[in-house]
Amino acid sequence: MTTVSRWSKASLLGACGLVGAAWMATITFPSAPSALALASERLYTRWFPPPPPPPQLPDVSARERAAWTELGSQISGRIVWSSNRDGNHDLFLVDLTSGAEHRLTDNPHVDFFARFSPDGKSISFLRSQEPWVSFRDESAWDLYLINADGGGERRLVTGAYHPTWVPNGSGLVYVFENRIYQFDLVSGQTEVLHDGRDAPTEGRVHEPELLGDGLIAITLRDVRQETVGVLDQQAGVFHPLSSQRACQITWFPGLRRAVWIDPRGNGGTQVMMADLDDAIERTLIDLPGPYSHEYFPRITANGEWLIWGAAAEGHEHDRADYEIFAWHIGTPWSNAIRLTYSPANDQWPDLFISEHL
């Protein structure tokens, strides 16, 4: 098995033993906390890819096409996301005008975390350096760029994680070895924006997204907490925004307002937001019903739509049956549109709006 080469045989056997022990504990002690099963899943997902989903049924495809048509009646644009619906995690793209869906990438390695450039012409994404790499392993990914029509694929950076576009589209920021880097598309050069070991963070920095004026939204992990907030490089301060353990922060484009995943809500999570100026936490959306374990939030460039993933059960980002949803912000939550109906793992979506109809 290719991925075993990254670990010693003893480590693999030890991991398998821990997984077995955790599994036996859940059988022997039915009242054992669900955290035990969660830890077991997080452990074995580092070595073993998720099994291929069952074949997609015709009625599933029909329901998805109907959902894309419904969204396409309100906006014109494209959706991109990662899915293992065809056996391996590749990128899929839907044109909302035509309703046509196609696989954007077809590679034996893992492709995920796709993001449209500000002009919608290009898509950045991550590709694993080996056939299987868990999303929880942040050290074995390369940053790629592909045209929105599927052509011109090329690698930009070897060793990168969680790349996001700078607002003017001139480059991307990403994390590597606890440093935040910025890559310039014209020169091909990189520069370090911040070292996570330095004040005011002095921890592990994750999920950087640049707003401008030296403001970088990040998730910060240290021995005391995991929180989301804003690194103000000019002032040399970190502004925490969440009172809870939180993650997956992103901006409302052009606003001093951030969105993230909060560990409360109907399904154990919800999408939260706050303005940097007052830091008052407010729920953006927390759907009722089974699909309320929200993750992967993304706000469109015009600030009017939220696209995200949600699972009815399960948590692991690259294994659980997450489905994709879109919602016109400010309308009733019941207006949210479920866009996928596959038993596969559908995650990290992005929505580019080209124009209003």
Protein backbone atom coordinates (compact mmCIF):
# COMPACT_ATOMS: atom_id res chain seq x y z
CA MET A 1 0.00 0.00 0.00
CA THR A 2 1.59 3.26 -1.12
CA THR A 3 0.76 5.38 1.89
CA VAL A 4 2.38 2.99 4.38
CA SER A 5 5.77 4.18 3.16
CA ARG A 6 5.27 7.42 5.08
CA TRP A 7 5.12 5.55 8.38
CA SER A 8 7.10 2.80 10.07
CA LYS A 9 5.57 -0.66 10.20
CA ALA A 10 5.60 -0.51 14.00
CA SER A 11 3.71 2.79 13.94
CA LEU A 12 1.10 1.33 11.65
CA LEU A 13 0.64 -1.75 13.82
CA GLY A 14 0.40 0.47 16.87
CA ALA A 15 -2.22 2.62 15.23
CA CYS A 16 -4.22 -0.43 14.24
CA GLY A 17 -4.02 -1.62 17.84
CA LEU A 18 -5.34 1.69 19.13
CA VAL A 19 -8.16 1.62 16.62
CA GLY A 20 -9.06 -1.91 17.66
CA ALA A 21 -8.99 -1.00 21.33
CA ALA A 22 -11.22 2.00 20.76
CA TRP A 23 -13.63 -0.09 18.72
CA MET A 24 -13.77 -2.82 21.35
CA ALA A 25 -14.41 -0.22 24.03
CA THR A 26 -17.46 1.05 22.20
CA ILE A 27 -18.80 -2.51 22.06
CA THR A 28 -17.93 -3.48 25.62
CA PHE A 29 -19.09 -0.21 27.11
CA PRO A 30 -22.11 1.02 25.13
CA SER A 31 -22.21 4.15 27.27
CA ALA A 32 -18.62 5.10 26.33
CA PRO A 33 -18.45 8.69 25.11
CA SER A 34 -18.77 9.26 21.39
CA ALA A 35 -15.42 11.07 21.55
CA LEU A 36 -13.79 7.62 21.70
CA ALA A 37 -15.27 6.55 18.40
CA LEU A 38 -14.41 9.96 16.98
CA ALA A 39 -10.78 9.59 18.04
CA SER A 40 -10.68 6.13 16.49
CA GLU A 41 -12.01 7.46 13.19
CA ARG A 42 -9.52 10.32 13.17
CA LEU A 43 -6.72 7.86 13.76
CA TYR A 44 -7.38 5.36 11.00
CA THR A 45 -8.34 8.00 8.46
CA ARG A 46 -4.68 9.03 8.35
CA TRP A 47 -3.77 5.66 6.81
CA PHE A 48 -6.84 4.40 5.03
CA PRO A 49 -8.87 6.29 2.39
CA PRO A 50 -12.66 6.27 2.65
CA PRO A 51 -14.31 3.38 0.79
CA PRO A 52 -15.87 4.18 -2.58
CA PRO A 53 -19.53 5.17 -2.23
CA PRO A 54 -22.30 3.03 -3.73
CA PRO A 55 -23.04 3.71 -7.40
CA GLN A 56 -25.01 6.89 -7.89
CA LEU A 57 -28.62 6.10 -8.68
CA PRO A 58 -30.49 7.83 -11.53
CA ASP A 59 -32.96 9.44 -9.14
CA VAL A 60 -30.04 10.95 -7.17
CA SER A 61 -28.67 12.56 -10.32
CA ALA A 62 -32.15 13.82 -11.21
CA ARG A 63 -32.58 15.42 -7.78
CA GLU A 64 -29.23 17.13 -8.09
CA ARG A 65 -30.01 18.47 -11.57
CA ALA A 66 -33.33 19.81 -10.28
CA ALA A 67 -31.54 21.57 -7.42
CA TRP A 68 -28.96 23.11 -9.77
CA THR A 69 -31.78 24.31 -12.01
CA GLU A 70 -33.54 25.87 -9.02
CA LEU A 71 -30.39 27.75 -7.99
CA GLY A 72 -29.71 28.65 -11.62
CA SER A 73 -33.13 30.33 -11.81
CA GLN A 74 -31.92 32.82 -9.18
CA ILE A 75 -28.26 33.40 -10.08
CA SER A 76 -25.85 32.79 -12.94
CA GLY A 77 -22.52 31.27 -12.10
CA ARG A 78 -20.61 28.11 -11.25
CA ILE A 79 -20.18 25.76 -8.30
CA VAL A 80 -17.02 23.77 -7.62
CA TRP A 81 -16.44 21.22 -4.86
CA SER A 82 -14.49 18.05 -4.05
CA SER A 83 -16.17 14.63 -4.02
CA ASN A 84 -15.25 10.96 -4.04
CA ARG A 85 -18.50 10.07 -5.82
CA ASP A 86 -16.49 8.40 -8.59
CA GLY A 87 -14.17 6.61 -6.18
CA ASN A 88 -11.42 9.17 -5.58
CA HIS A 89 -11.58 12.77 -4.39
CA ASP A 90 -11.62 14.93 -7.51
CA LEU A 91 -13.04 18.35 -8.28
CA PHE A 92 -16.51 18.66 -9.82
CA LEU A 93 -17.98 21.77 -11.44
CA VAL A 94 -21.54 22.75 -12.29
CA ASP A 95 -22.49 25.54 -14.68
CA LEU A 96 -25.72 26.97 -13.28
CA THR A 97 -26.75 28.46 -16.61
CA SER A 98 -26.77 25.15 -18.47
CA GLY A 99 -27.10 22.83 -15.49
CA ALA A 100 -24.20 20.81 -16.87
CA GLU A 101 -21.90 19.02 -14.44
CA HIS A 102 -18.49 17.57 -15.19
CA ARG A 103 -15.42 16.31 -13.40
CA LEU A 104 -12.88 19.10 -13.44
CA THR A 105 -9.92 16.95 -12.40
CA ASP A 106 -9.20 13.25 -12.83
CA ASN A 107 -6.12 12.29 -10.86
CA PRO A 108 -5.20 9.29 -8.68
CA HIS A 109 -4.16 11.67 -5.90
CA VAL A 110 -6.57 13.62 -3.67
CA ASP A 111 -7.84 16.97 -5.03
CA PHE A 112 -9.75 19.27 -2.69
CA PHE A 113 -10.17 22.81 -1.29
CA ALA A 114 -11.07 24.49 -4.59
CA ARG A 115 -11.43 28.29 -4.66
CA PHE A 116 -12.50 30.51 -7.56
CA SER A 117 -10.24 33.44 -8.35
CA PRO A 118 -11.94 36.84 -7.86
CA ASP A 119 -12.62 37.08 -11.61
CA GLY A 120 -13.91 33.50 -11.78
CA LYS A 121 -11.52 32.50 -14.57
CA SER A 122 -9.24 30.28 -12.49
CA ILE A 123 -9.61 27.82 -9.63
CA SER A 124 -6.94 27.13 -7.04
CA PHE A 125 -6.89 23.77 -5.28
CA LEU A 126 -4.74 21.35 -3.28
CA ARG A 127 -3.41 18.03 -4.54
CA SER A 128 -1.90 15.41 -2.23
CA GLN A 129 1.73 14.43 -2.73
CA GLU A 130 0.81 10.74 -2.42
CA PRO A 131 -2.29 8.83 -3.59
CA TRP A 132 -3.91 8.98 -0.17
CA VAL A 133 -3.35 11.78 2.34
CA SER A 134 -5.87 12.59 5.05
CA PHE A 135 -7.10 16.18 5.14
CA ARG A 136 -5.87 16.24 8.73
CA ASP A 137 -2.28 15.88 7.52
CA GLU A 138 -1.39 19.45 6.55
CA SER A 139 2.17 18.74 5.43
CA ALA A 140 1.79 16.74 2.21
CA TRP A 141 -0.04 19.00 -0.25
CA ASP A 142 0.83 21.13 -3.27
CA LEU A 143 -0.97 24.22 -4.52
CA TYR A 144 -2.33 23.96 -8.07
CA LEU A 145 -4.16 26.27 -10.45
CA ILE A 146 -6.56 25.26 -13.22
CA ASN A 147 -8.68 27.26 -15.64
CA ALA A 148 -12.40 27.21 -14.88
CA ASP A 149 -12.92 25.41 -18.20
CA GLY A 150 -10.62 22.59 -17.10
CA GLY A 151 -7.51 23.56 -19.06
CA GLY A 152 -4.12 24.93 -18.10
CA GLU A 153 -3.59 22.89 -14.95
CA ARG A 154 -0.26 23.69 -13.29
CA ARG A 155 1.46 23.43 -9.94
CA LEU A 156 2.28 26.74 -8.24
CA VAL A 157 3.79 25.79 -4.88
CA THR A 158 5.23 22.59 -3.44
CA GLY A 159 4.12 22.34 0.17
CA ALA A 160 1.07 24.46 0.97
CA TYR A 161 -2.19 24.18 2.88
CA HIS A 162 -5.48 26.08 2.96
CA PRO A 163 -4.72 28.51 0.10
CA THR A 164 -7.02 31.51 -0.32
CA TRP A 165 -6.95 34.31 -2.87
CA VAL A 166 -5.83 37.82 -2.03
CA PRO A 167 -8.72 40.22 -2.70
CA ASN A 168 -7.27 41.70 -5.93
CA GLY A 169 -6.53 38.27 -7.41
CA SER A 170 -2.79 38.88 -7.72
CA GLY A 171 -1.86 35.84 -5.66
CA LEU A 172 -2.73 33.54 -2.80
CA VAL A 173 -1.89 33.12 0.87
CA TYR A 174 -1.34 29.72 2.46
CA VAL A 175 0.22 27.98 5.46
CA PHE A 176 3.39 25.90 5.48
CA GLU A 177 5.26 24.79 8.60
CA ASN A 178 3.34 27.25 10.80
CA ARG A 179 4.15 30.24 8.63
CA ILE A 180 1.74 32.27 6.53
CA TYR A 181 3.07 32.83 3.03
CA GLN A 182 1.89 34.95 0.11
CA PHE A 183 2.49 33.74 -3.45
CA ASP A 184 2.59 36.26 -6.31
CA LEU A 185 1.18 34.97 -9.59
CA VAL A 186 3.21 37.33 -11.80
CA SER A 187 6.66 36.89 -10.29
CA GLY A 188 6.17 33.38 -8.92
CA GLN A 189 7.83 34.53 -5.71
CA THR A 190 6.72 33.88 -2.14
CA GLU A 191 7.14 35.95 1.00
CA VAL A 192 6.48 35.21 4.65
CA LEU A 193 3.67 37.33 6.06
CA HIS A 194 3.77 35.92 9.58
CA ASP A 195 5.49 33.23 11.62
CA GLY A 196 3.00 31.56 13.94
CA ARG A 197 5.67 31.17 16.63
CA ASP A 198 6.00 34.92 16.93
CA ALA A 199 3.85 37.35 18.91
CA PRO A 200 0.99 37.97 18.98
CA THR A 201 0.04 34.39 18.03
CA GLU A 202 2.74 32.12 19.50
CA GLY A 203 0.81 29.01 18.53
CA ARG A 204 -0.26 27.11 15.43
CA VAL A 205 -1.83 29.29 12.75
CA HIS A 206 -4.35 27.77 10.36
CA GLU A 207 -6.77 28.81 7.62
CA PRO A 208 -5.38 32.27 6.75
CA GLU A 209 -7.46 34.60 4.60
CA LEU A 210 -6.32 38.13 3.79
CA LEU A 211 -8.80 41.01 3.89
CA GLY A 212 -6.44 43.93 3.35
CA ASP A 213 -4.68 46.56 5.47
CA GLY A 214 -2.69 43.78 7.11
CA LEU A 215 -5.78 41.96 8.43
CA ILE A 216 -5.60 38.17 8.23
CA ALA A 217 -8.40 35.93 9.51
CA ILE A 218 -6.93 32.80 11.12
CA THR A 219 -7.75 29.86 13.33
CA LEU A 220 -5.25 29.82 16.20
CA ARG A 221 -4.42 26.66 18.12
CA ASP A 222 -2.22 26.55 21.20
CA VAL A 223 -2.02 24.48 24.37
CA ARG A 224 -4.89 26.42 25.92
CA GLN A 225 -7.47 26.78 23.20
CA GLU A 226 -8.54 26.70 19.58
CA THR A 227 -10.14 29.94 18.53
CA VAL A 228 -10.78 32.07 15.48
CA GLY A 229 -9.89 35.70 15.12
CA VAL A 230 -8.07 38.37 13.16
CA LEU A 231 -4.35 39.00 13.08
CA ASP A 232 -3.73 42.73 12.69
CA GLN A 233 -0.19 42.92 11.37
CA GLN A 234 0.02 46.70 11.49
CA ALA A 235 -1.02 46.92 15.13
CA GLY A 236 0.74 43.71 16.10
CA VAL A 237 -2.30 42.27 17.88
CA PHE A 238 -4.61 39.26 17.57
CA HIS A 239 -8.35 39.90 18.00
CA PRO A 240 -10.22 36.71 19.03
CA LEU A 241 -13.79 36.59 17.77
CA SER A 242 -15.18 33.38 19.26
CA SER A 243 -15.87 32.56 22.90
CA GLN A 244 -15.84 28.85 22.00
CA ARG A 245 -13.47 26.41 20.34
CA ALA A 246 -14.00 27.27 16.70
CA CYS A 247 -12.51 26.81 13.23
CA GLN A 248 -12.81 27.39 9.46
CA ILE A 249 -12.89 31.17 9.51
CA THR A 250 -13.53 33.16 6.33
CA TRP A 251 -14.41 36.77 5.46
CA PHE A 252 -17.46 38.49 4.13
CA PRO A 253 -15.56 39.89 1.11
CA GLY A 254 -14.81 43.59 1.48
CA LEU A 255 -16.24 43.81 5.01
CA ARG A 256 -14.65 43.67 8.44
CA ARG A 257 -16.96 40.74 9.16
CA ALA A 258 -15.89 37.14 9.61
CA VAL A 259 -17.75 33.81 9.43
CA TRP A 260 -16.73 30.54 11.07
CA ILE A 261 -17.89 27.20 12.40
CA ASP A 262 -19.05 27.26 16.03
CA PRO A 263 -19.32 24.04 18.13
CA ARG A 264 -22.93 24.63 19.17
CA GLY A 265 -26.16 24.34 17.25
CA ASN A 266 -28.79 21.81 16.26
CA GLY A 267 -26.38 19.22 14.87
CA GLY A 268 -23.42 20.07 17.05
CA THR A 269 -22.23 22.97 14.89
CA GLN A 270 -23.55 26.19 13.41
CA VAL A 271 -22.30 28.97 11.15
CA MET A 272 -21.43 32.03 13.24
CA MET A 273 -20.40 35.56 12.31
CA ALA A 274 -19.11 38.73 13.96
CA ASP A 275 -17.91 42.18 12.96
CA LEU A 276 -14.34 42.95 13.88
CA ASP A 277 -15.35 46.35 15.29
CA ASP A 278 -17.70 45.01 18.00
CA ALA A 279 -16.87 41.26 18.11
CA ILE A 280 -20.50 40.38 18.90
CA GLU A 281 -21.13 36.73 17.96
CA ARG A 282 -24.30 36.10 15.97
CA THR A 283 -25.68 32.97 14.35
CA LEU A 284 -25.68 33.25 10.57
CA ILE A 285 -27.43 29.94 9.93
CA ASP A 286 -28.18 26.73 11.82
CA LEU A 287 -30.63 24.64 9.86
CA PRO A 288 -33.18 22.52 11.68
CA GLY A 289 -33.56 18.89 10.69
CA PRO A 290 -30.98 16.17 10.16
CA TYR A 291 -28.49 18.07 7.98
CA SER A 292 -27.35 20.49 10.63
CA HIS A 293 -23.73 19.48 11.23
CA GLU A 294 -22.34 22.40 9.25
CA TYR A 295 -18.82 22.81 7.92
CA PHE A 296 -16.89 24.40 5.02
CA PRO A 297 -18.59 27.86 4.94
CA ARG A 298 -17.90 30.19 2.03
CA ILE A 299 -19.39 33.61 1.24
CA THR A 300 -19.73 34.71 -2.39
CA ALA A 301 -17.76 37.74 -3.59
CA ASN A 302 -20.87 39.95 -3.55
CA GLY A 303 -21.61 38.98 0.07
CA GLU A 304 -25.11 37.75 -0.79
CA TRP A 305 -24.85 33.95 -0.75
CA LEU A 306 -23.49 31.34 1.64
CA ILE A 307 -22.45 27.90 0.39
CA TRP A 308 -21.42 25.14 2.80
CA GLY A 309 -21.51 21.43 3.59
CA ALA A 310 -23.56 19.62 6.23
CA ALA A 311 -23.81 16.04 7.44
CA ALA A 312 -26.70 14.22 9.07
CA GLU A 313 -24.29 11.95 10.94
CA GLY A 314 -20.56 11.53 11.11
CA HIS A 315 -17.94 14.21 11.47
CA GLU A 316 -14.71 13.31 9.67
CA HIS A 317 -14.26 15.82 6.85
CA ASP A 318 -13.02 13.40 4.22
CA ARG A 319 -15.22 10.41 5.15
CA ALA A 320 -18.68 11.53 6.33
CA ASP A 321 -21.63 11.92 3.97
CA TYR A 322 -21.56 15.70 3.72
CA GLU A 323 -23.99 17.35 1.31
CA ILE A 324 -23.70 20.82 -0.24
CA PHE A 325 -26.16 23.64 0.50
CA ALA A 326 -26.58 27.23 -0.72
CA TRP A 327 -28.60 30.03 0.88
CA HIS A 328 -29.40 33.63 -0.04
CA ILE A 329 -28.28 35.49 3.07
CA GLY A 330 -31.02 37.42 4.82
CA THR A 331 -33.86 35.28 3.53
CA PRO A 332 -35.60 32.66 5.71
CA TRP A 333 -33.43 29.63 6.45
CA SER A 334 -36.09 27.48 4.80
CA ASN A 335 -34.97 28.97 1.47
CA ALA A 336 -31.68 27.07 1.66
CA ILE A 337 -31.22 24.76 -1.32
CA ARG A 338 -29.68 21.32 -0.95
CA LEU A 339 -27.46 20.89 -4.02
CA THR A 340 -26.13 17.32 -3.69
CA TYR A 341 -27.82 14.02 -2.89
CA SER A 342 -24.93 11.61 -3.27
CA PRO A 343 -23.86 9.09 -0.61
CA ALA A 344 -20.31 10.26 -1.29
CA ASN A 345 -18.20 12.69 0.69
CA ASP A 346 -18.99 16.10 -0.87
CA GLN A 347 -17.06 18.96 0.73
CA TRP A 348 -15.31 22.37 0.56
CA PRO A 349 -17.59 24.01 -2.05
CA ASP A 350 -17.23 27.43 -3.64
CA LEU A 351 -19.77 29.47 -5.60
CA PHE A 352 -18.88 32.11 -8.18
CA ILE A 353 -21.70 34.43 -9.25
CA SER A 354 -21.16 35.97 -12.66
CA GLU A 355 -24.33 38.08 -12.78
CA HIS A 356 -27.85 38.35 -11.45
CA LEU A 357 -30.66 37.18 -13.68
